Amino acid sequence: MNKLINPQSAKDIYRQCFQDNFERLHRYAFTLLQDNEEARDVVQQAFIKLWQKRDEINLELAGRSYLYTTVQRQCINIFRHNKVRRHYKDSVMATHQEEYTDHQLENRELSNRISTAMDALPPKCREIFCKSRFEEKKYAEIAAELNISVKTVEVQMGKALKIMREQLADIITISIILIAYFK
């Protein structure tokens, strides 16, 4: 804008430009973005930029074209930003999905190994082990339930734990190494 126009005139011209163009620009931005709030923000930012450049731009002659160009460029920037954000989100989701799948496979494999080890236990020993470890019963409860002595439960649990350790020795060794490594 020319330095000849006084500051009050610039405000009046700007106000009139805002009143004449805001709704049209908002519709234009909304058509591009399909988001009412984002469109409103883009248009407001365009008017702020126009006001900041009021000394360089003749508001009466070039104000409208400057606003439309600014709105269009900001919408394009939003498209690019959203595309990058979507790409990043998809990438993160794919990574998490792969990790989740890996963990599922590891858990399934570990579960199968434990089942196989439990199958190696004698029936009575397995029953006592399951009641102790999975049902979380105390030795006295198990003894009362099965009509055996607590000492028998202790002996059977010792036997079960020994067999389980032998069957799962490689997994236990790896676990100990990993725990020691990540301390």
Protein backbone atom coordinates (compact mmCIF):
# COMPACT_ATOMS: atom_id res chain seq x y z
CA MET A 1 0.00 0.00 0.00
CA ASN A 2 1.15 3.51 -0.57
CA LYS A 3 2.59 5.47 2.31
CA LEU A 4 0.18 8.25 1.25
CA ILE A 5 -2.82 6.41 2.70
CA ASN A 6 -3.20 7.26 6.35
CA PRO A 7 -3.38 4.46 8.96
CA GLN A 8 -7.10 4.98 9.59
CA SER A 9 -7.82 4.62 5.87
CA ALA A 10 -5.80 1.40 5.77
CA LYS A 11 -7.90 0.00 8.63
CA ASP A 12 -11.12 0.98 6.88
CA ILE A 13 -10.01 -0.55 3.59
CA TYR A 14 -8.87 -3.71 5.40
CA ARG A 15 -12.15 -3.96 7.31
CA GLN A 16 -14.11 -3.62 4.07
CA CYS A 17 -11.89 -6.21 2.37
CA PHE A 18 -12.52 -8.58 5.28
CA GLN A 19 -16.30 -8.08 5.14
CA ASP A 20 -16.40 -8.50 1.36
CA ASN A 21 -14.19 -11.59 1.16
CA PHE A 22 -14.25 -13.63 4.35
CA GLU A 23 -17.30 -15.79 3.55
CA ARG A 24 -16.21 -16.44 -0.06
CA LEU A 25 -12.72 -17.38 1.04
CA HIS A 26 -14.12 -19.60 3.78
CA ARG A 27 -16.30 -21.47 1.26
CA TYR A 28 -13.32 -21.83 -1.06
CA ALA A 29 -11.08 -23.18 1.72
CA PHE A 30 -13.85 -25.47 2.96
CA THR A 31 -14.30 -26.85 -0.57
CA LEU A 32 -10.62 -27.74 -0.62
CA LEU A 33 -10.21 -28.98 2.97
CA GLN A 34 -13.66 -30.35 3.86
CA ASP A 35 -13.08 -29.15 7.44
CA ASN A 36 -14.94 -26.08 8.69
CA GLU A 37 -12.58 -25.15 11.54
CA GLU A 38 -9.46 -25.69 9.48
CA ALA A 39 -10.93 -23.63 6.63
CA ARG A 40 -11.77 -20.80 9.05
CA ASP A 41 -8.22 -20.89 10.46
CA VAL A 42 -6.69 -20.76 6.98
CA VAL A 43 -8.77 -17.73 6.01
CA GLN A 44 -7.97 -15.92 9.25
CA GLN A 45 -4.27 -16.59 8.73
CA ALA A 46 -4.53 -15.20 5.19
CA PHE A 47 -6.07 -11.98 6.52
CA ILE A 48 -3.35 -11.71 9.16
CA LYS A 49 -0.68 -12.05 6.46
CA LEU A 50 -2.46 -9.45 4.34
CA TRP A 51 -2.50 -7.02 7.26
CA GLN A 52 1.19 -7.65 7.96
CA LYS A 53 1.97 -6.83 4.31
CA ARG A 54 -0.37 -3.82 4.09
CA ASP A 55 2.58 -1.52 3.36
CA GLU A 56 3.65 -3.67 0.39
CA ILE A 57 0.26 -4.55 -1.14
CA ASN A 58 -2.42 -2.23 -2.43
CA LEU A 59 -5.43 -3.61 -0.57
CA GLU A 60 -7.93 -2.10 -3.00
CA LEU A 61 -6.30 -3.46 -6.15
CA ALA A 62 -4.55 -6.69 -5.15
CA GLY A 63 -6.04 -7.62 -1.79
CA ARG A 64 -8.52 -10.18 -3.09
CA SER A 65 -6.07 -11.99 -5.39
CA TYR A 66 -3.45 -12.02 -2.63
CA LEU A 67 -5.99 -13.57 -0.24
CA TYR A 68 -7.09 -16.28 -2.69
CA THR A 69 -3.48 -17.16 -3.52
CA THR A 70 -2.57 -17.28 0.17
CA VAL A 71 -5.57 -19.47 1.05
CA GLN A 72 -4.80 -21.84 -1.82
CA ARG A 73 -1.14 -22.16 -0.80
CA GLN A 74 -2.02 -22.75 2.84
CA CYS A 75 -4.51 -25.46 1.83
CA ILE A 76 -1.82 -27.14 -0.28
CA ASN A 77 0.55 -27.00 2.70
CA ILE A 78 -2.11 -28.61 4.88
CA PHE A 79 -2.61 -31.38 2.30
CA ARG A 80 1.13 -32.03 2.27
CA HIS A 81 1.34 -31.97 6.05
CA ASN A 82 -1.62 -34.35 6.38
CA LYS A 83 -0.10 -36.69 3.81
CA VAL A 84 3.18 -36.80 5.75
CA ARG A 85 1.27 -37.32 9.01
CA ARG A 86 -0.78 -40.17 7.48
CA HIS A 87 2.35 -41.78 6.06
CA TYR A 88 4.10 -41.55 9.43
CA LYS A 89 1.04 -42.92 11.26
CA ASP A 90 0.75 -45.83 8.80
CA SER A 91 4.46 -46.55 9.20
CA VAL A 92 4.21 -46.56 13.00
CA MET A 93 1.11 -48.76 12.89
CA ALA A 94 2.84 -51.24 10.57
CA THR A 95 5.87 -51.39 12.87
CA HIS A 96 3.68 -51.97 15.93
CA GLN A 97 1.70 -54.62 14.07
CA GLU A 98 4.92 -56.46 13.17
CA GLU A 99 6.13 -56.26 16.78
CA TYR A 100 2.75 -57.43 18.05
CA THR A 101 2.77 -60.36 15.62
CA ASP A 102 6.32 -61.27 16.67
CA HIS A 103 5.29 -61.21 20.33
CA GLN A 104 2.24 -63.32 19.57
CA LEU A 105 4.41 -65.92 17.83
CA GLU A 106 6.91 -65.92 20.69
CA ASN A 107 4.13 -66.28 23.27
CA ARG A 108 2.48 -69.06 21.29
CA GLU A 109 5.81 -70.88 20.96
CA LEU A 110 6.51 -70.47 24.68
CA SER A 111 3.01 -71.67 25.53
CA ASN A 112 3.49 -74.74 23.32
CA ARG A 113 6.84 -75.49 24.96
CA ILE A 114 5.29 -75.24 28.44
CA SER A 115 2.39 -77.50 27.39
CA THR A 116 4.86 -80.05 26.02
CA ALA A 117 6.87 -79.90 29.25
CA MET A 118 3.70 -80.36 31.30
CA ASP A 119 2.75 -83.37 29.18
CA ALA A 120 6.04 -84.95 30.29
CA LEU A 121 4.86 -84.84 33.93
CA PRO A 122 3.25 -87.92 35.47
CA PRO A 123 -0.54 -87.44 35.84
CA LYS A 124 -0.62 -86.95 39.65
CA CYS A 125 2.42 -84.68 39.51
CA ARG A 126 0.79 -82.59 36.72
CA GLU A 127 -2.44 -82.28 38.71
CA ILE A 128 -0.59 -81.01 41.80
CA PHE A 129 1.56 -78.65 39.70
CA CYS A 130 -1.52 -77.15 37.98
CA LYS A 131 -3.34 -76.63 41.27
CA SER A 132 -0.29 -74.91 42.75
CA ARG A 133 0.80 -72.76 39.81
CA PHE A 134 -2.38 -72.08 37.83
CA GLU A 135 -5.07 -72.23 40.49
CA GLU A 136 -2.68 -70.61 43.01
CA LYS A 137 -3.61 -72.98 45.82
CA LYS A 138 -1.44 -73.49 48.88
CA TYR A 139 0.13 -76.89 49.51
CA ALA A 140 -2.21 -77.50 52.49
CA GLU A 141 -5.28 -76.82 50.31
CA ILE A 142 -4.04 -79.20 47.62
CA ALA A 143 -3.31 -81.89 50.23
CA ALA A 144 -6.79 -81.56 51.74
CA GLU A 145 -8.48 -81.59 48.34
CA LEU A 146 -6.61 -84.70 47.13
CA ASN A 147 -6.60 -86.51 50.50
CA ILE A 148 -2.79 -86.69 50.61
CA SER A 149 -0.20 -85.33 53.02
CA VAL A 150 1.40 -81.91 52.63
CA LYS A 151 4.76 -83.71 52.42
CA THR A 152 3.50 -85.66 49.37
CA VAL A 153 2.49 -82.38 47.72
CA GLU A 154 5.97 -80.96 48.43
CA VAL A 155 7.69 -84.04 46.97
CA GLN A 156 5.46 -84.02 43.86
CA MET A 157 6.04 -80.27 43.34
CA GLY A 158 9.81 -80.79 43.64
CA LYS A 159 9.58 -83.55 41.04
CA ALA A 160 7.40 -81.39 38.75
CA LEU A 161 9.73 -78.39 38.98
CA LYS A 162 12.77 -80.57 38.24
CA ILE A 163 11.13 -82.05 35.12
CA MET A 164 9.92 -78.61 33.98
CA ARG A 165 13.42 -77.13 34.43
CA GLU A 166 14.92 -79.96 32.38
CA GLN A 167 12.31 -79.61 29.63
CA LEU A 168 12.66 -75.82 29.48
CA ALA A 169 16.41 -75.56 30.17
CA ASP A 170 17.22 -73.72 26.93
CA ILE A 171 14.48 -71.13 27.50
CA ILE A 172 15.51 -70.62 31.12
CA THR A 173 19.15 -70.14 30.09
CA ILE A 174 18.20 -67.57 27.44
CA SER A 175 15.98 -65.74 29.94
CA ILE A 176 18.79 -65.55 32.50
CA ILE A 177 21.22 -64.26 29.87
CA LEU A 178 18.75 -61.60 28.70
CA ILE A 179 17.98 -60.49 32.25
CA ALA A 180 21.68 -60.19 33.04
CA TYR A 181 22.35 -58.33 29.78
CA PHE A 182 19.58 -55.74 30.19
CA LYS A 183 20.26 -54.92 33.87
